[in-house]
Amino acid sequence: MEVLELLLLSIGLAMDAFSISICKGLSIKKYTIKKGITIGIYFGLFKTLMPLIRFLLGTSFEKIITNIDHWIVFILLFTIGIITFILSVIGTKILLEHLGILII
C-alpha cells in the first residue's frame, strides 16, 4: 500500500471507531474502568484484524477472479440497469394499478 492509501484507511477507521465509541458510550448506563478497557480492547482488535483479513482474502482471490472480473462487473451493471428499467416503466404502472389509481 502506498502512503496515501494507508492515510485514507487510517482516517476512515478512526472516524468509524469514533462514531461507534460515542454510540456505545451513550448506551452504557453505568460506566466502569473495566468496561471501558474491555470495549477498547475489542475495538482495537477488530479494527486491526478487519483490514488484515481483507488484505489476505483479496490477495488470495486475486489470481482466481482476475480472469473473470470484467464479466462480473458487466453482469452486475446489466442487472442493475434491467431492474431500474423495470421499476421505472413497468413497475410504476403496476404499482399504480394495484393502488387503484386511474392511469390515462
Protein backbone atom coordinates (compact mmCIF):
# COMPACT_ATOMS: atom_id res chain seq x y z
CA MET A 1 0.00 0.00 0.00
CA GLU A 2 1.13 3.48 -0.68
CA VAL A 3 1.26 6.22 1.93
CA LEU A 4 -1.91 7.93 0.68
CA GLU A 5 -3.89 4.67 0.83
CA LEU A 6 -2.69 4.00 4.38
CA LEU A 7 -3.55 7.55 5.40
CA LEU A 8 -7.08 7.35 3.96
CA LEU A 9 -7.64 3.91 5.52
CA SER A 10 -6.49 5.08 8.93
CA ILE A 11 -8.66 8.23 8.77
CA GLY A 12 -11.70 6.14 7.80
CA LEU A 13 -11.08 3.62 10.57
CA ALA A 14 -10.58 6.42 13.09
CA MET A 15 -13.89 8.09 12.13
CA ASP A 16 -15.67 4.75 12.32
CA ALA A 17 -14.19 3.93 15.72
CA PHE A 18 -15.02 7.41 16.99
CA SER A 19 -18.68 7.18 15.99
CA ILE A 20 -19.01 3.68 17.45
CA SER A 21 -17.37 4.85 20.67
CA ILE A 22 -19.81 7.73 21.03
CA CYS A 23 -22.83 5.48 20.43
CA LYS A 24 -21.54 2.79 22.79
CA GLY A 25 -20.71 5.40 25.43
CA LEU A 26 -24.20 6.85 25.24
CA SER A 27 -25.78 3.41 25.60
CA ILE A 28 -23.88 2.42 28.76
CA LYS A 29 -25.88 3.27 31.88
CA LYS A 30 -23.16 2.57 34.43
CA TYR A 31 -19.59 3.12 33.30
CA THR A 32 -16.66 1.39 34.96
CA ILE A 33 -12.98 1.37 34.06
CA LYS A 34 -13.17 -2.39 33.44
CA LYS A 35 -15.95 -1.92 30.85
CA GLY A 36 -14.01 0.88 29.17
CA ILE A 37 -10.83 -1.18 28.89
CA THR A 38 -12.73 -4.23 27.64
CA ILE A 39 -14.56 -2.24 24.97
CA GLY A 40 -11.31 -0.52 23.96
CA ILE A 41 -9.53 -3.85 23.54
CA TYR A 42 -12.38 -5.26 21.44
CA PHE A 43 -12.43 -2.17 19.20
CA GLY A 44 -8.67 -2.25 18.80
CA LEU A 45 -8.61 -5.95 17.92
CA PHE A 46 -11.44 -5.78 15.40
CA LYS A 47 -10.21 -2.57 13.78
CA THR A 48 -6.78 -4.18 13.38
CA LEU A 49 -7.96 -7.57 12.16
CA MET A 50 -10.54 -6.44 9.60
CA PRO A 51 -8.12 -4.71 7.16
CA LEU A 52 -5.66 -7.58 7.62
CA ILE A 53 -8.31 -10.19 6.79
CA ARG A 54 -9.48 -8.11 3.82
CA PHE A 55 -5.92 -7.90 2.51
CA LEU A 56 -5.29 -11.63 2.91
CA LEU A 57 -8.58 -12.59 1.24
CA GLY A 58 -8.04 -10.06 -1.54
CA THR A 59 -4.59 -11.34 -2.39
CA SER A 60 -5.71 -14.97 -2.31
CA PHE A 61 -8.74 -14.38 -4.58
CA GLU A 62 -6.84 -12.10 -6.96
CA LYS A 63 -5.50 -14.96 -9.07
CA ILE A 64 -8.93 -16.59 -9.33
CA ILE A 65 -11.03 -13.53 -10.11
CA THR A 66 -8.69 -11.57 -12.39
CA ASN A 67 -9.73 -13.58 -15.47
CA ILE A 68 -13.47 -13.03 -14.97
CA ASP A 69 -13.69 -9.70 -13.12
CA HIS A 70 -14.87 -7.75 -16.18
CA TRP A 71 -17.72 -10.24 -16.72
CA ILE A 72 -18.79 -9.95 -13.09
CA VAL A 73 -18.92 -6.15 -13.38
CA PHE A 74 -20.84 -6.42 -16.67
CA ILE A 75 -23.43 -8.80 -15.17
CA LEU A 76 -23.88 -6.62 -12.07
CA LEU A 77 -24.31 -3.39 -14.03
CA PHE A 78 -26.58 -5.05 -16.60
CA THR A 79 -28.76 -6.46 -13.83
CA ILE A 80 -28.98 -3.10 -12.08
CA GLY A 81 -29.91 -1.46 -15.40
CA ILE A 82 -32.66 -4.01 -16.13
CA ILE A 83 -34.10 -3.70 -12.62
CA THR A 84 -34.05 0.10 -12.85
CA PHE A 85 -35.80 -0.02 -16.23
CA ILE A 86 -38.47 -2.42 -14.98
CA LEU A 87 -39.14 -0.37 -11.88
CA SER A 88 -39.24 2.93 -13.73
CA VAL A 89 -41.50 1.88 -16.62
CA ILE A 90 -43.41 -1.29 -15.89
CA GLY A 91 -43.25 -1.24 -12.09
CA THR A 92 -44.78 2.20 -11.76
CA LYS A 93 -47.85 1.29 -13.84
CA ILE A 94 -48.37 -1.96 -11.98
CA LEU A 95 -47.91 -0.23 -8.64
CA LEU A 96 -50.43 2.49 -9.53
CA GLU A 97 -52.96 -0.09 -10.75
CA HIS A 98 -52.67 -2.05 -7.52
CA LEU A 99 -53.24 1.16 -5.57
CA GLY A 100 -56.39 1.81 -7.61
CA ILE A 101 -55.17 4.99 -9.27
CA LEU A 102 -56.53 5.54 -12.78
CA ILE A 103 -53.86 5.74 -15.46
CA ILE A 104 -54.81 7.65 -18.58
